[in-house]
PDB file of N, CA and C in Angstrom:
ATOM      1  N   MET A   1     -19.316  15.814  -4.484  1.00  0.00           N
ATOM      2  CA  MET A   1     -18.255  14.837  -4.317  1.00  0.00           C
ATOM      3  C   MET A   1     -17.056  15.465  -3.586  1.00  0.00           C
ATOM      4  N   ILE A   2     -16.650  16.633  -4.040  1.00  0.00           N
ATOM      5  CA  ILE A   2     -15.497  17.271  -3.416  1.00  0.00           C
ATOM      6  C   ILE A   2     -15.789  17.620  -1.966  1.00  0.00           C
ATOM      7  N   ILE A   3     -16.989  18.083  -1.693  1.00  0.00           N
ATOM      8  CA  ILE A   3     -17.346  18.498  -0.346  1.00  0.00           C
ATOM      9  C   ILE A   3     -17.236  17.336   0.647  1.00  0.00           C
ATOM     10  N   HIS A   4     -17.571  16.140   0.212  1.00  0.00           N
ATOM     11  CA  HIS A   4     -17.622  15.001   1.131  1.00  0.00           C
ATOM     12  C   HIS A   4     -16.347  14.159   1.141  1.00  0.00           C
ATOM     13  N   GLU A   5     -15.400  14.487   0.316  1.00  0.00           N
ATOM     14  CA  GLU A   5     -14.146  13.725   0.244  1.00  0.00           C
ATOM     15  C   GLU A   5     -12.974  14.576   0.728  1.00  0.00           C
ATOM     16  N   TYR A   6     -13.115  15.180   1.885  1.00  0.00           N
ATOM     17  CA  TYR A   6     -12.156  16.153   2.395  1.00  0.00           C
ATOM     18  C   TYR A   6     -10.685  15.795   2.199  1.00  0.00           C
ATOM     19  N   PHE A   7     -10.294  14.600   2.617  1.00  0.00           N
ATOM     20  CA  PHE A   7      -8.884  14.254   2.595  1.00  0.00           C
ATOM     21  C   PHE A   7      -8.531  13.263   1.493  1.00  0.00           C
ATOM     22  N   GLY A   8      -9.497  12.893   0.681  1.00  0.00           N
ATOM     23  CA  GLY A   8      -9.228  11.911  -0.361  1.00  0.00           C
ATOM     24  C   GLY A   8      -9.464  12.432  -1.761  1.00  0.00           C
ATOM     25  N   ILE A   9      -9.266  13.720  -1.969  1.00  0.00           N
ATOM     26  CA  ILE A   9      -9.516  14.308  -3.281  1.00  0.00           C
ATOM     27  C   ILE A   9      -8.281  14.144  -4.162  1.00  0.00           C
ATOM     28  N   GLU A  10      -8.487  13.553  -5.311  1.00  0.00           N
ATOM     29  CA  GLU A  10      -7.421  13.396  -6.288  1.00  0.00           C
ATOM     30  C   GLU A  10      -7.525  14.525  -7.316  1.00  0.00           C
ATOM     31  N   PRO A  11      -6.411  15.112  -7.719  1.00  0.00           N
ATOM     32  CA  PRO A  11      -6.456  16.189  -8.709  1.00  0.00           C
ATOM     33  C   PRO A  11      -7.183  15.793  -9.998  1.00  0.00           C
ATOM     34  N   GLU A  12      -7.057  14.548 -10.397  1.00  0.00           N
ATOM     35  CA  GLU A  12      -7.727  14.076 -11.612  1.00  0.00           C
ATOM     36  C   GLU A  12      -9.249  14.123 -11.463  1.00  0.00           C
ATOM     37  N   GLU A  13      -9.732  13.820 -10.257  1.00  0.00           N
ATOM     38  CA  GLU A  13     -11.174  13.875  -9.998  1.00  0.00           C
ATOM     39  C   GLU A  13     -11.692  15.307 -10.102  1.00  0.00           C
ATOM     40  N   VAL A  14     -10.942  16.234  -9.537  1.00  0.00           N
ATOM     41  CA  VAL A  14     -11.334  17.640  -9.609  1.00  0.00           C
ATOM     42  C   VAL A  14     -11.357  18.093 -11.065  1.00  0.00           C
ATOM     43  N   ASP A  15     -10.353  17.713 -11.824  1.00  0.00           N
ATOM     44  CA  ASP A  15     -10.282  18.068 -13.235  1.00  0.00           C
ATOM     45  C   ASP A  15     -11.473  17.488 -14.001  1.00  0.00           C
ATOM     46  N   ASP A  16     -11.826  16.245 -13.724  1.00  0.00           N
ATOM     47  CA  ASP A  16     -12.984  15.620 -14.383  1.00  0.00           C
ATOM     48  C   ASP A  16     -14.274  16.359 -14.038  1.00  0.00           C
ATOM     49  N   ILE A  17     -14.436  16.720 -12.787  1.00  0.00           N
ATOM     50  CA  ILE A  17     -15.638  17.448 -12.358  1.00  0.00           C
ATOM     51  C   ILE A  17     -15.722  18.781 -13.087  1.00  0.00           C
ATOM     52  N   ILE A  18     -14.610  19.495 -13.146  1.00  0.00           N
ATOM     53  CA  ILE A  18     -14.597  20.798 -13.816  1.00  0.00           C
ATOM     54  C   ILE A  18     -14.939  20.641 -15.292  1.00  0.00           C
ATOM     55  N   LYS A  19     -14.353  19.676 -15.949  1.00  0.00           N
ATOM     56  CA  LYS A  19     -14.545  19.513 -17.393  1.00  0.00           C
ATOM     57  C   LYS A  19     -15.909  18.946 -17.759  1.00  0.00           C
ATOM     58  N   LYS A  20     -16.474  18.099 -16.938  1.00  0.00           N
ATOM     59  CA  LYS A  20     -17.713  17.417 -17.295  1.00  0.00           C
ATOM     60  C   LYS A  20     -18.932  17.997 -16.582  1.00  0.00           C
ATOM     61  N   ASP A  21     -18.913  17.935 -15.277  1.00  0.00           N
ATOM     62  CA  ASP A  21     -20.109  18.256 -14.498  1.00  0.00           C
ATOM     63  C   ASP A  21     -20.444  19.741 -14.479  1.00  0.00           C
ATOM     64  N   LEU A  22     -19.456  20.602 -14.390  1.00  0.00           N
ATOM     65  CA  LEU A  22     -19.740  22.030 -14.294  1.00  0.00           C
ATOM     66  C   LEU A  22     -20.348  22.587 -15.578  1.00  0.00           C
ATOM     67  N   LYS A  23     -19.957  22.042 -16.720  1.00  0.00           N
ATOM     68  CA  LYS A  23     -20.551  22.499 -17.978  1.00  0.00           C
ATOM     69  C   LYS A  23     -22.042  22.190 -18.000  1.00  0.00           C
ATOM     70  N   ASN A  24     -22.417  20.994 -17.591  1.00  0.00           N
ATOM     71  CA  ASN A  24     -23.832  20.617 -17.538  1.00  0.00           C
ATOM     72  C   ASN A  24     -24.585  21.470 -16.526  1.00  0.00           C
ATOM     73  N   PHE A  25     -23.965  21.707 -15.389  1.00  0.00           N
ATOM     74  CA  PHE A  25     -24.575  22.523 -14.346  1.00  0.00           C
ATOM     75  C   PHE A  25     -24.806  23.943 -14.859  1.00  0.00           C
ATOM     76  N   LYS A  26     -23.830  24.491 -15.566  1.00  0.00           N
ATOM     77  CA  LYS A  26     -23.954  25.841 -16.117  1.00  0.00           C
ATOM     78  C   LYS A  26     -25.144  25.924 -17.069  1.00  0.00           C
ATOM     79  N   VAL A  27     -25.286  24.961 -17.939  1.00  0.00           N
ATOM     80  CA  VAL A  27     -26.397  24.948 -18.897  1.00  0.00           C
ATOM     81  C   VAL A  27     -27.733  24.907 -18.161  1.00  0.00           C
ATOM     82  N   GLU A  28     -27.836  24.076 -17.135  1.00  0.00           N
ATOM     83  CA  GLU A  28     -29.069  23.978 -16.366  1.00  0.00           C
ATOM     84  C   GLU A  28     -29.394  25.285 -15.648  1.00  0.00           C
ATOM     85  N   ILE A  29     -28.397  25.885 -15.017  1.00  0.00           N
ATOM     86  CA  ILE A  29     -28.607  27.143 -14.295  1.00  0.00           C
ATOM     87  C   ILE A  29     -29.008  28.251 -15.253  1.00  0.00           C
ATOM     88  N   GLU A  30     -28.325  28.368 -16.392  1.00  0.00           N
ATOM     89  CA  GLU A  30     -28.668  29.406 -17.363  1.00  0.00           C
ATOM     90  C   GLU A  30     -30.080  29.217 -17.898  1.00  0.00           C
ATOM     91  N   SER A  31     -30.483  27.985 -18.086  1.00  0.00           N
ATOM     92  CA  SER A  31     -31.847  27.702 -18.550  1.00  0.00           C
ATOM     93  C   SER A  31     -32.872  28.144 -17.509  1.00  0.00           C
ATOM     94  N   LEU A  32     -32.618  27.838 -16.257  1.00  0.00           N
ATOM     95  CA  LEU A  32     -33.525  28.256 -15.184  1.00  0.00           C
ATOM     96  C   LEU A  32     -33.595  29.772 -15.072  1.00  0.00           C
ATOM     97  N   ILE A  33     -32.455  30.417 -15.161  1.00  0.00           N
ATOM     98  CA  ILE A  33     -32.414  31.871 -15.046  1.00  0.00           C
ATOM     99  C   ILE A  33     -33.206  32.526 -16.169  1.00  0.00           C
ATOM    100  N   SER A  34     -33.127  31.969 -17.354  1.00  0.00           N
ATOM    101  CA  SER A  34     -33.817  32.577 -18.492  1.00  0.00           C
ATOM    102  C   SER A  34     -35.334  32.474 -18.374  1.00  0.00           C
ATOM    103  N   THR A  35     -35.831  31.591 -17.520  1.00  0.00           N
ATOM    104  CA  THR A  35     -37.273  31.408 -17.401  1.00  0.00           C
ATOM    105  C   THR A  35     -37.908  32.180 -16.256  1.00  0.00           C
ATOM    106  N   ILE A  36     -37.104  32.800 -15.404  1.00  0.00           N
ATOM    107  CA  ILE A  36     -37.674  33.535 -14.276  1.00  0.00           C
ATOM    108  C   ILE A  36     -37.818  35.013 -14.626  1.00  0.00           C
ATOM    109  N   ASP A  37     -38.682  35.680 -13.938  1.00  0.00           N
ATOM    110  CA  ASP A  37     -38.900  37.085 -14.248  1.00  0.00           C
ATOM    111  C   ASP A  37     -37.718  37.936 -13.782  1.00  0.00           C
ATOM    112  N   ASN A  38     -37.601  39.111 -14.324  1.00  0.00           N
ATOM    113  CA  ASN A  38     -36.440  39.967 -14.102  1.00  0.00           C
ATOM    114  C   ASN A  38     -36.242  40.367 -12.648  1.00  0.00           C
ATOM    115  N   GLU A  39     -37.311  40.666 -11.948  1.00  0.00           N
ATOM    116  CA  GLU A  39     -37.174  41.082 -10.548  1.00  0.00           C
ATOM    117  C   GLU A  39     -36.612  39.953  -9.693  1.00  0.00           C
ATOM    118  N   LEU A  40     -37.139  38.767  -9.878  1.00  0.00           N
ATOM    119  CA  LEU A  40     -36.637  37.613  -9.141  1.00  0.00           C
ATOM    120  C   LEU A  40     -35.195  37.318  -9.543  1.00  0.00           C
ATOM    121  N   LYS A  41     -34.904  37.464 -10.829  1.00  0.00           N
ATOM    122  CA  LYS A  41     -33.536  37.230 -11.298  1.00  0.00           C
ATOM    123  C   LYS A  41     -32.568  38.180 -10.597  1.00  0.00           C
ATOM    124  N   LYS A  42     -32.931  39.445 -10.471  1.00  0.00           N
ATOM    125  CA  LYS A  42     -32.064  40.407  -9.801  1.00  0.00           C
ATOM    126  C   LYS A  42     -31.825  40.008  -8.344  1.00  0.00           C
ATOM    127  N   GLU A  43     -32.884  39.579  -7.675  1.00  0.00           N
ATOM    128  CA  GLU A  43     -32.744  39.153  -6.279  1.00  0.00           C
ATOM    129  C   GLU A  43     -31.815  37.945  -6.157  1.00  0.00           C
ATOM    130  N   LEU A  44     -31.998  36.976  -7.030  1.00  0.00           N
ATOM    131  CA  LEU A  44     -31.167  35.773  -6.985  1.00  0.00           C
ATOM    132  C   LEU A  44     -29.713  36.089  -7.288  1.00  0.00           C
ATOM    133  N   VAL A  45     -29.489  36.890  -8.317  1.00  0.00           N
ATOM    134  CA  VAL A  45     -28.119  37.240  -8.678  1.00  0.00           C
ATOM    135  C   VAL A  45     -27.444  37.978  -7.530  1.00  0.00           C
ATOM    136  N   GLU A  46     -28.142  38.925  -6.931  1.00  0.00           N
ATOM    137  CA  GLU A  46     -27.557  39.671  -5.811  1.00  0.00           C
ATOM    138  C   GLU A  46     -27.233  38.740  -4.643  1.00  0.00           C
ATOM    139  N   SER A  47     -28.103  37.791  -4.381  1.00  0.00           N
ATOM    140  CA  SER A  47     -27.855  36.819  -3.324  1.00  0.00           C
ATOM    141  C   SER A  47     -26.616  35.976  -3.639  1.00  0.00           C
ATOM    142  N   PHE A  48     -26.510  35.507  -4.890  1.00  0.00           N
ATOM    143  CA  PHE A  48     -25.337  34.725  -5.291  1.00  0.00           C
ATOM    144  C   PHE A  48     -24.065  35.553  -5.215  1.00  0.00           C
ATOM    145  N   ILE A  49     -24.170  36.829  -5.566  1.00  0.00           N
ATOM    146  CA  ILE A  49     -23.005  37.705  -5.486  1.00  0.00           C
ATOM    147  C   ILE A  49     -22.534  37.815  -4.036  1.00  0.00           C
ATOM    148  N   GLN A  50     -23.459  38.016  -3.123  1.00  0.00           N
ATOM    149  CA  GLN A  50     -23.093  38.110  -1.709  1.00  0.00           C
ATOM    150  C   GLN A  50     -22.471  36.812  -1.201  1.00  0.00           C
ATOM    151  N   ASP A  51     -23.033  35.686  -1.641  1.00  0.00           N
ATOM    152  CA  ASP A  51     -22.528  34.387  -1.191  1.00  0.00           C
ATOM    153  C   ASP A  51     -21.161  34.042  -1.780  1.00  0.00           C
ATOM    154  N   ASN A  52     -20.837  34.624  -2.934  1.00  0.00           N
ATOM    155  CA  ASN A  52     -19.607  34.259  -3.641  1.00  0.00           C
ATOM    156  C   ASN A  52     -18.685  35.449  -3.872  1.00  0.00           C
ATOM    157  N   LYS A  53     -18.776  36.454  -3.025  1.00  0.00           N
ATOM    158  CA  LYS A  53     -18.034  37.690  -3.248  1.00  0.00           C
ATOM    159  C   LYS A  53     -16.521  37.508  -3.246  1.00  0.00           C
ATOM    160  N   HIS A  54     -16.037  36.416  -2.726  1.00  0.00           N
ATOM    161  CA  HIS A  54     -14.599  36.155  -2.702  1.00  0.00           C
ATOM    162  C   HIS A  54     -14.111  35.425  -3.958  1.00  0.00           C
ATOM    163  N   LEU A  55     -15.022  35.071  -4.852  1.00  0.00           N
ATOM    164  CA  LEU A  55     -14.657  34.349  -6.076  1.00  0.00           C
ATOM    165  C   LEU A  55     -14.860  35.260  -7.289  1.00  0.00           C
ATOM    166  N   ASP A  56     -13.818  35.918  -7.711  1.00  0.00           N
ATOM    167  CA  ASP A  56     -13.903  36.911  -8.782  1.00  0.00           C
ATOM    168  C   ASP A  56     -14.514  36.367 -10.067  1.00  0.00           C
ATOM    169  N   PHE A  57     -14.137  35.144 -10.460  1.00  0.00           N
ATOM    170  CA  PHE A  57     -14.639  34.619 -11.722  1.00  0.00           C
ATOM    171  C   PHE A  57     -16.153  34.406 -11.675  1.00  0.00           C
ATOM    172  N   ILE A  58     -16.687  34.067 -10.516  1.00  0.00           N
ATOM    173  CA  ILE A  58     -18.133  33.916 -10.374  1.00  0.00           C
ATOM    174  C   ILE A  58     -18.801  35.285 -10.399  1.00  0.00           C
ATOM    175  N   LEU A  59     -18.200  36.243  -9.737  1.00  0.00           N
ATOM    176  CA  LEU A  59     -18.755  37.603  -9.725  1.00  0.00           C
ATOM    177  C   LEU A  59     -18.853  38.168 -11.132  1.00  0.00           C
ATOM    178  N   GLN A  60     -17.855  37.950 -11.935  1.00  0.00           N
ATOM    179  CA  GLN A  60     -17.882  38.463 -13.309  1.00  0.00           C
ATOM    180  C   GLN A  60     -19.062  37.888 -14.082  1.00  0.00           C
ATOM    181  N   LYS A  61     -19.276  36.601 -13.972  1.00  0.00           N
ATOM    182  CA  LYS A  61     -20.391  35.955 -14.671  1.00  0.00           C
ATOM    183  C   LYS A  61     -21.734  36.431 -14.123  1.00  0.00           C
ATOM    184  N   LEU A  62     -21.817  36.567 -12.809  1.00  0.00           N
ATOM    185  CA  LEU A  62     -23.068  37.023 -12.196  1.00  0.00           C
ATOM    186  C   LEU A  62     -23.387  38.458 -12.601  1.00  0.00           C
ATOM    187  N   ARG A  63     -22.390  39.310 -12.658  1.00  0.00           N
ATOM    188  CA  ARG A  63     -22.616  40.703 -13.077  1.00  0.00           C
ATOM    189  C   ARG A  63     -23.122  40.738 -14.519  1.00  0.00           C
ATOM    190  N   LYS A  64     -22.583  39.833 -15.339  1.00  0.00           N
ATOM    191  CA  LYS A  64     -23.048  39.745 -16.732  1.00  0.00           C
ATOM    192  C   LYS A  64     -24.518  39.334 -16.773  1.00  0.00           C
ATOM    193  N   LEU A  65     -24.880  38.341 -15.981  1.00  0.00           N
ATOM    194  CA  LEU A  65     -26.263  37.885 -15.914  1.00  0.00           C
ATOM    195  C   LEU A  65     -27.177  38.988 -15.390  1.00  0.00           C
ATOM    196  N   GLU A  66     -26.682  39.740 -14.448  1.00  0.00           N
ATOM    197  CA  GLU A  66     -27.450  40.811 -13.846  1.00  0.00           C
ATOM    198  C   GLU A  66     -27.864  41.851 -14.888  1.00  0.00           C
ATOM    199  N   ASN A  67     -27.048  42.034 -15.892  1.00  0.00           N
ATOM    200  CA  ASN A  67     -27.310  43.033 -16.924  1.00  0.00           C
ATOM    201  C   ASN A  67     -28.087  42.500 -18.119  1.00  0.00           C
ATOM    202  N   GLU A  68     -28.375  41.226 -18.127  1.00  0.00           N
ATOM    203  CA  GLU A  68     -29.106  40.631 -19.268  1.00  0.00           C
ATOM    204  C   GLU A  68     -30.598  40.822 -19.111  1.00  0.00           C
TER     205      GLU A  68
END
């Protein structure tokens, strides 16, 4: 939604997305990660780290996943 609404984003919409949708997304991603083998998990995490290296909060979570 945010990606396609470049100039019409309301702060309330962003807040709703963060509070509602991201929590569900996190649960789904963590579930998928827990079902893949460790080698593939390492590759995926490293790829996500490279793609999101400018977002510290994502890096922290990914590093945690990398060590699980």
